[in-house]
């Protein structure tokens, strides 16, 4: 299972220095890094961002997506669910909001499995 790192800044006046620090301290083994070009708007849904699209094309079920803080990837809980359940990925947020939660997508049981 691969460790996929996603980084993004909103403007070309920003840098990924803080993200690099947080992710570096996390000790992620053999990361595959996907970094958006500066100026990639946070208003875009994550599934509309070019480098995140490349990450999803590369990803396989069971891989883990690592981000420094939640807002580097998503702006809402709905976005988290869209990302995780699309490809059965784990999402590891290393700092700030949601960083202490298990955000692993698990396969859903088929609806026909359970008697009503």
Protein backbone atom coordinates (compact mmCIF):
# COMPACT_ATOMS: atom_id res chain seq x y z
CA UNK A 1 0.00 0.00 0.00
CA UNK A 2 1.32 3.38 -1.03
CA UNK A 3 1.71 6.58 0.98
CA UNK A 4 0.49 9.44 -1.19
CA UNK A 5 1.28 12.99 -0.10
CA UNK A 6 -0.82 15.89 -1.35
CA UNK A 7 0.31 19.53 -1.02
CA UNK A 8 -1.35 22.75 -2.16
CA UNK A 9 -1.01 26.50 -1.67
CA UNK A 10 -3.59 29.04 -2.75
CA UNK A 11 -1.28 31.80 -4.04
CA UNK A 12 2.20 32.11 -5.48
CA UNK A 13 3.13 34.23 -2.43
CA UNK A 14 2.71 31.16 -0.21
CA UNK A 15 5.09 28.24 0.16
CA UNK A 16 4.77 24.62 1.18
CA UNK A 17 7.38 25.07 3.95
CA UNK A 18 4.95 24.43 6.82
CA UNK A 19 3.40 21.47 5.01
CA UNK A 20 6.87 20.05 4.40
CA UNK A 21 7.71 20.44 8.11
CA UNK A 22 4.50 18.75 9.33
CA UNK A 23 4.72 15.92 6.81
CA UNK A 24 8.45 15.47 7.40
CA UNK A 25 7.89 15.14 11.14
CA UNK A 26 5.26 12.47 10.42
CA UNK A 27 7.96 10.11 9.12
CA UNK A 28 5.95 8.93 6.12
CA UNK A 29 7.70 5.97 4.49
CA UNK A 30 8.41 6.14 0.74
CA UNK A 31 6.00 9.00 -0.02
CA UNK A 32 4.75 9.62 -3.55
CA UNK A 33 4.23 13.40 -3.67
CA UNK A 34 1.57 15.26 -5.65
CA UNK A 35 1.83 19.05 -5.41
CA UNK A 36 -0.59 21.49 -7.01
CA UNK A 37 0.76 24.54 -8.79
CA UNK A 38 0.58 27.70 -6.72
CA UNK A 39 -2.74 29.43 -7.10
CA UNK A 40 -4.92 26.30 -7.18
CA UNK A 41 -8.06 27.61 -5.55
CA UNK A 42 -9.43 26.08 -2.39
CA UNK A 43 -12.85 26.85 -3.87
CA UNK A 44 -12.36 24.01 -6.36
CA UNK A 45 -13.74 20.67 -5.25
CA UNK A 46 -10.76 18.36 -4.63
CA UNK A 47 -11.91 16.11 -7.49
CA UNK A 48 -11.53 19.08 -9.87
CA UNK A 49 -7.90 19.82 -9.00
CA UNK A 50 -5.33 18.60 -11.56
CA UNK A 51 -2.70 17.09 -9.24
CA UNK A 52 -5.28 15.55 -6.97
CA UNK A 53 -6.77 13.96 -10.08
CA UNK A 54 -3.34 12.51 -10.85
CA UNK A 55 -3.12 11.22 -7.29
CA UNK A 56 -6.48 9.47 -7.64
CA UNK A 57 -5.46 7.96 -10.99
CA UNK A 58 -2.31 6.60 -9.30
CA UNK A 59 -4.04 5.43 -6.09
CA UNK A 60 -5.21 1.90 -5.37
CA UNK A 61 -7.69 0.76 -2.71
CA UNK A 62 -5.95 0.66 0.65
CA UNK A 63 -3.48 3.46 -0.11
CA UNK A 64 -3.19 6.34 2.36
CA UNK A 65 -3.43 10.00 1.35
CA UNK A 66 -1.40 12.21 3.70
CA UNK A 67 -2.03 15.95 4.07
CA UNK A 68 -0.63 18.41 6.58
CA UNK A 69 -3.95 20.05 7.49
CA UNK A 70 -7.54 19.42 6.45
CA UNK A 71 -7.92 22.69 4.52
CA UNK A 72 -5.07 21.77 2.16
CA UNK A 73 -7.43 19.26 0.58
CA UNK A 74 -11.01 19.80 1.70
CA UNK A 75 -13.33 22.53 2.93
CA UNK A 76 -16.26 20.42 4.08
CA UNK A 77 -17.18 17.04 5.48
CA UNK A 78 -18.90 16.27 2.20
CA UNK A 79 -15.58 16.70 0.40
CA UNK A 80 -13.92 14.27 2.83
CA UNK A 81 -16.57 11.66 2.07
CA UNK A 82 -16.30 12.25 -1.70
CA UNK A 83 -12.55 11.67 -1.57
CA UNK A 84 -12.52 8.65 0.73
CA UNK A 85 -15.39 6.63 -0.61
CA UNK A 86 -14.53 7.22 -4.24
CA UNK A 87 -11.52 4.93 -4.17
CA UNK A 88 -11.54 3.31 -0.71
CA UNK A 89 -8.58 5.33 0.44
CA UNK A 90 -7.39 6.21 3.91
CA UNK A 91 -6.92 9.90 4.65
CA UNK A 92 -4.37 10.91 7.28
CA UNK A 93 -4.47 14.53 8.39
CA UNK A 94 -1.32 15.23 10.37
CA UNK A 95 -2.16 18.52 12.11
CA UNK A 96 -5.21 20.52 13.19
CA UNK A 97 -8.86 19.65 12.69
CA UNK A 98 -9.69 15.94 12.28
CA UNK A 99 -6.06 14.92 12.84
CA UNK A 100 -6.94 12.52 15.66
CA UNK A 101 -9.66 10.66 13.77
CA UNK A 102 -9.48 7.44 11.76
CA UNK A 103 -10.53 8.54 8.28
CA UNK A 104 -10.25 5.20 6.56
CA UNK A 105 -12.76 4.28 3.90
CA UNK A 106 -14.12 0.81 4.40
CA UNK A 107 -16.07 -1.18 1.86
CA UNK A 108 -19.79 -1.03 2.44
CA UNK A 109 -21.70 -4.27 2.91
CA UNK A 110 -23.91 -5.09 -0.05
CA UNK A 111 -27.45 -3.94 0.59
CA UNK A 112 -28.79 -7.38 -0.29
CA UNK A 113 -26.84 -9.03 2.55
CA UNK A 114 -29.15 -8.16 5.35
CA UNK A 115 -32.72 -9.39 5.83
CA UNK A 116 -35.30 -6.74 6.53
